[in-house]
Amino acid sequence: MALLISSHTAFTLKTSMSQKIKAEDAFRLYLQESQDHEAAAIASIILEYLSFLYSAEEEPILLEDFSEYEVDDLLEFYLMDNYQDYEKIRGKMRVFLKGFVRFALAKSYLSKEEARDWKNVL
């Protein structure tokens, strides 16, 4: 009986964790799958923001580094501070990120908990 519980627990823990992937790679794969050519500009802004945020880091920026807190900061502050037409961009970015969350969840790049947290911000 203990073996069954241990196996089940290990399976549950393994499936609730997300895969580690570079943020740039995750967005590139999403763009390839979605084939939305306008979305490339939005992904570029997101990567620009992450590069700015983690400029002191030498390690690659992973998708897990882009939590709901960074999503919120990007949408509510970074765009306003850096783009004149931030309201228009913010609307497009929310649509883009909602699609990306579905994609990342299906590919196990985000856990269910991470996806839920992102959706609360979006």
C-alpha atoms as a PDB file:
ATOM      1  CA  MET A   1       0.000   0.000   0.000  1.00  0.00           C
ATOM      2  CA  ALA A   2       2.815   2.431   0.837  1.00  0.00           C
ATOM      3  CA  LEU A   3       4.369   1.784  -2.558  1.00  0.00           C
ATOM      4  CA  LEU A   4       1.157   2.752  -4.313  1.00  0.00           C
ATOM      5  CA  ILE A   5       0.885   5.962  -2.342  1.00  0.00           C
ATOM      6  CA  SER A   6       4.526   6.834  -3.056  1.00  0.00           C
ATOM      7  CA  SER A   7       4.121   6.154  -6.772  1.00  0.00           C
ATOM      8  CA  HIS A   8       0.953   8.232  -6.926  1.00  0.00           C
ATOM      9  CA  THR A   9       2.563  11.077  -5.007  1.00  0.00           C
ATOM     10  CA  ALA A  10       5.600  11.071  -7.285  1.00  0.00           C
ATOM     11  CA  PHE A  11       3.350  11.084 -10.354  1.00  0.00           C
ATOM     12  CA  THR A  12       1.309  13.975  -8.986  1.00  0.00           C
ATOM     13  CA  LEU A  13       4.399  16.015  -8.202  1.00  0.00           C
ATOM     14  CA  LYS A  14       5.946  15.324 -11.585  1.00  0.00           C
ATOM     15  CA  THR A  15       2.850  16.315 -13.560  1.00  0.00           C
ATOM     16  CA  SER A  16       2.256  19.521 -11.609  1.00  0.00           C
ATOM     17  CA  MET A  17       5.726  20.898 -12.381  1.00  0.00           C
ATOM     18  CA  SER A  18       6.445  22.814 -15.550  1.00  0.00           C
ATOM     19  CA  GLN A  19       9.260  22.104 -17.994  1.00  0.00           C
ATOM     20  CA  LYS A  20      12.228  24.459 -17.949  1.00  0.00           C
ATOM     21  CA  ILE A  21      12.472  26.339 -21.228  1.00  0.00           C
ATOM     22  CA  LYS A  22      14.050  29.623 -22.213  1.00  0.00           C
ATOM     23  CA  ALA A  23      11.460  32.382 -22.479  1.00  0.00           C
ATOM     24  CA  GLU A  24      12.686  33.292 -25.959  1.00  0.00           C
ATOM     25  CA  ASP A  25      12.308  29.688 -27.155  1.00  0.00           C
ATOM     26  CA  ALA A  26       8.799  29.381 -25.688  1.00  0.00           C
ATOM     27  CA  PHE A  27       7.620  32.542 -27.441  1.00  0.00           C
ATOM     28  CA  ARG A  28       9.292  31.505 -30.706  1.00  0.00           C
ATOM     29  CA  LEU A  29       7.541  28.127 -30.615  1.00  0.00           C
ATOM     30  CA  TYR A  30       4.224  29.809 -29.867  1.00  0.00           C
ATOM     31  CA  LEU A  31       4.674  32.196 -32.792  1.00  0.00           C
ATOM     32  CA  GLN A  32       5.473  29.291 -35.116  1.00  0.00           C
ATOM     33  CA  GLU A  33       2.382  27.411 -34.010  1.00  0.00           C
ATOM     34  CA  SER A  34       0.020  30.393 -34.027  1.00  0.00           C
ATOM     35  CA  GLN A  35       1.384  31.875 -37.278  1.00  0.00           C
ATOM     36  CA  ASP A  36       0.133  35.290 -36.170  1.00  0.00           C
ATOM     37  CA  HIS A  37       2.622  37.638 -37.819  1.00  0.00           C
ATOM     38  CA  GLU A  38       1.476  40.687 -35.833  1.00  0.00           C
ATOM     39  CA  ALA A  39       2.138  38.792 -32.610  1.00  0.00           C
ATOM     40  CA  ALA A  40       5.881  38.820 -33.320  1.00  0.00           C
ATOM     41  CA  ALA A  41       5.995  42.517 -32.390  1.00  0.00           C
ATOM     42  CA  ILE A  42       4.269  41.780 -29.061  1.00  0.00           C
ATOM     43  CA  ALA A  43       6.663  38.902 -28.318  1.00  0.00           C
ATOM     44  CA  SER A  44       9.548  41.226 -29.131  1.00  0.00           C
ATOM     45  CA  ILE A  45       8.322  43.766 -26.554  1.00  0.00           C
ATOM     46  CA  ILE A  46       8.006  41.023 -23.928  1.00  0.00           C
ATOM     47  CA  LEU A  47      11.543  39.816 -24.595  1.00  0.00           C
ATOM     48  CA  GLU A  48      12.790  43.405 -24.520  1.00  0.00           C
ATOM     49  CA  TYR A  49      11.167  43.818 -21.094  1.00  0.00           C
ATOM     50  CA  LEU A  50      12.699  40.578 -19.790  1.00  0.00           C
ATOM     51  CA  SER A  51      16.138  41.599 -21.088  1.00  0.00           C
ATOM     52  CA  PHE A  52      15.768  44.933 -19.305  1.00  0.00           C
ATOM     53  CA  LEU A  53      14.552  43.287 -16.107  1.00  0.00           C
ATOM     54  CA  TYR A  54      17.274  40.640 -16.003  1.00  0.00           C
ATOM     55  CA  SER A  55      20.095  42.634 -17.599  1.00  0.00           C
ATOM     56  CA  ALA A  56      22.488  41.814 -14.762  1.00  0.00           C
ATOM     57  CA  GLU A  57      21.920  38.066 -15.101  1.00  0.00           C
ATOM     58  CA  GLU A  58      24.359  35.960 -17.058  1.00  0.00           C
ATOM     59  CA  GLU A  59      22.093  32.909 -17.197  1.00  0.00           C
ATOM     60  CA  PRO A  60      19.473  32.584 -19.935  1.00  0.00           C
ATOM     61  CA  ILE A  61      16.055  33.926 -19.019  1.00  0.00           C
ATOM     62  CA  LEU A  62      13.709  31.023 -18.412  1.00  0.00           C
ATOM     63  CA  LEU A  63       9.955  31.147 -18.826  1.00  0.00           C
ATOM     64  CA  GLU A  64       9.647  30.384 -15.123  1.00  0.00           C
ATOM     65  CA  ASP A  65      11.394  33.737 -14.482  1.00  0.00           C
ATOM     66  CA  PHE A  66       8.383  35.451 -16.084  1.00  0.00           C
ATOM     67  CA  SER A  67       5.819  34.994 -13.316  1.00  0.00           C
ATOM     68  CA  GLU A  68       2.471  36.692 -12.872  1.00  0.00           C
ATOM     69  CA  TYR A  69       4.261  39.515 -11.034  1.00  0.00           C
ATOM     70  CA  GLU A  70       6.401  40.312 -14.065  1.00  0.00           C
ATOM     71  CA  VAL A  71       3.356  39.998 -16.343  1.00  0.00           C
ATOM     72  CA  ASP A  72       1.530  42.530 -14.172  1.00  0.00           C
ATOM     73  CA  ASP A  73       4.538  44.875 -14.074  1.00  0.00           C
ATOM     74  CA  LEU A  74       4.889  44.647 -17.848  1.00  0.00           C
ATOM     75  CA  LEU A  75       1.222  45.410 -18.481  1.00  0.00           C
ATOM     76  CA  GLU A  76       0.732  48.090 -15.847  1.00  0.00           C
ATOM     77  CA  PHE A  77       4.044  49.956 -15.727  1.00  0.00           C
ATOM     78  CA  TYR A  78       6.648  49.057 -18.344  1.00  0.00           C
ATOM     79  CA  LEU A  79       4.401  49.705 -21.327  1.00  0.00           C
ATOM     80  CA  MET A  80       3.172  53.015 -19.930  1.00  0.00           C
ATOM     81  CA  ASP A  81       6.714  54.169 -19.210  1.00  0.00           C
ATOM     82  CA  ASN A  82       8.149  53.179 -22.590  1.00  0.00           C
ATOM     83  CA  TYR A  83       5.437  53.342 -25.259  1.00  0.00           C
ATOM     84  CA  GLN A  84       3.301  56.277 -26.269  1.00  0.00           C
ATOM     85  CA  ASP A  85       0.473  54.051 -27.536  1.00  0.00           C
ATOM     86  CA  TYR A  86       0.690  51.731 -24.524  1.00  0.00           C
ATOM     87  CA  GLU A  87      -3.091  51.259 -24.161  1.00  0.00           C
ATOM     88  CA  LYS A  88      -3.353  49.812 -27.660  1.00  0.00           C
ATOM     89  CA  ILE A  89      -0.279  47.632 -27.117  1.00  0.00           C
ATOM     90  CA  ARG A  90      -1.568  46.481 -23.722  1.00  0.00           C
ATOM     91  CA  GLY A  91      -4.831  45.283 -25.280  1.00  0.00           C
ATOM     92  CA  LYS A  92      -2.986  43.319 -27.968  1.00  0.00           C
ATOM     93  CA  MET A  93      -0.553  41.960 -25.406  1.00  0.00           C
ATOM     94  CA  ARG A  94      -3.359  40.662 -23.181  1.00  0.00           C
ATOM     95  CA  VAL A  95      -4.858  38.782 -26.137  1.00  0.00           C
ATOM     96  CA  PHE A  96      -1.427  37.439 -27.079  1.00  0.00           C
ATOM     97  CA  LEU A  97      -0.636  36.326 -23.524  1.00  0.00           C
ATOM     98  CA  LYS A  98      -4.009  34.605 -23.073  1.00  0.00           C
ATOM     99  CA  GLY A  99      -3.276  32.525 -26.161  1.00  0.00           C
ATOM    100  CA  PHE A 100       0.261  31.928 -24.983  1.00  0.00           C
ATOM    101  CA  VAL A 101      -0.958  30.674 -21.591  1.00  0.00           C
ATOM    102  CA  ARG A 102      -3.162  28.067 -23.309  1.00  0.00           C
ATOM    103  CA  PHE A 103      -0.220  27.013 -25.484  1.00  0.00           C
ATOM    104  CA  ALA A 104       2.273  26.901 -22.596  1.00  0.00           C
ATOM    105  CA  LEU A 105      -0.111  24.913 -20.423  1.00  0.00           C
ATOM    106  CA  ALA A 106      -0.719  22.366 -23.200  1.00  0.00           C
ATOM    107  CA  LYS A 107       3.055  22.000 -23.738  1.00  0.00           C
ATOM    108  CA  SER A 108       3.715  21.811 -19.957  1.00  0.00           C
ATOM    109  CA  TYR A 109       5.818  24.974 -20.065  1.00  0.00           C
ATOM    110  CA  LEU A 110       3.547  26.378 -17.339  1.00  0.00           C
ATOM    111  CA  SER A 111       1.995  24.421 -14.505  1.00  0.00           C
ATOM    112  CA  LYS A 112      -1.730  24.683 -13.836  1.00  0.00           C
ATOM    113  CA  GLU A 113      -0.987  26.930 -10.862  1.00  0.00           C
ATOM    114  CA  GLU A 114       1.230  29.234 -12.921  1.00  0.00           C
ATOM    115  CA  ALA A 115      -1.375  29.417 -15.688  1.00  0.00           C
ATOM    116  CA  ARG A 116      -4.089  30.251 -13.149  1.00  0.00           C
ATOM    117  CA  ASP A 117      -1.922  33.020 -11.674  1.00  0.00           C
ATOM    118  CA  TRP A 118      -1.230  34.472 -15.140  1.00  0.00           C
ATOM    119  CA  LYS A 119      -4.954  34.380 -16.000  1.00  0.00           C
ATOM    120  CA  ASN A 120      -5.768  36.311 -12.812  1.00  0.00           C
ATOM    121  CA  VAL A 121      -3.447  39.105 -13.956  1.00  0.00           C
ATOM    122  CA  LEU A 122      -4.697  39.102 -17.529  1.00  0.00           C
END
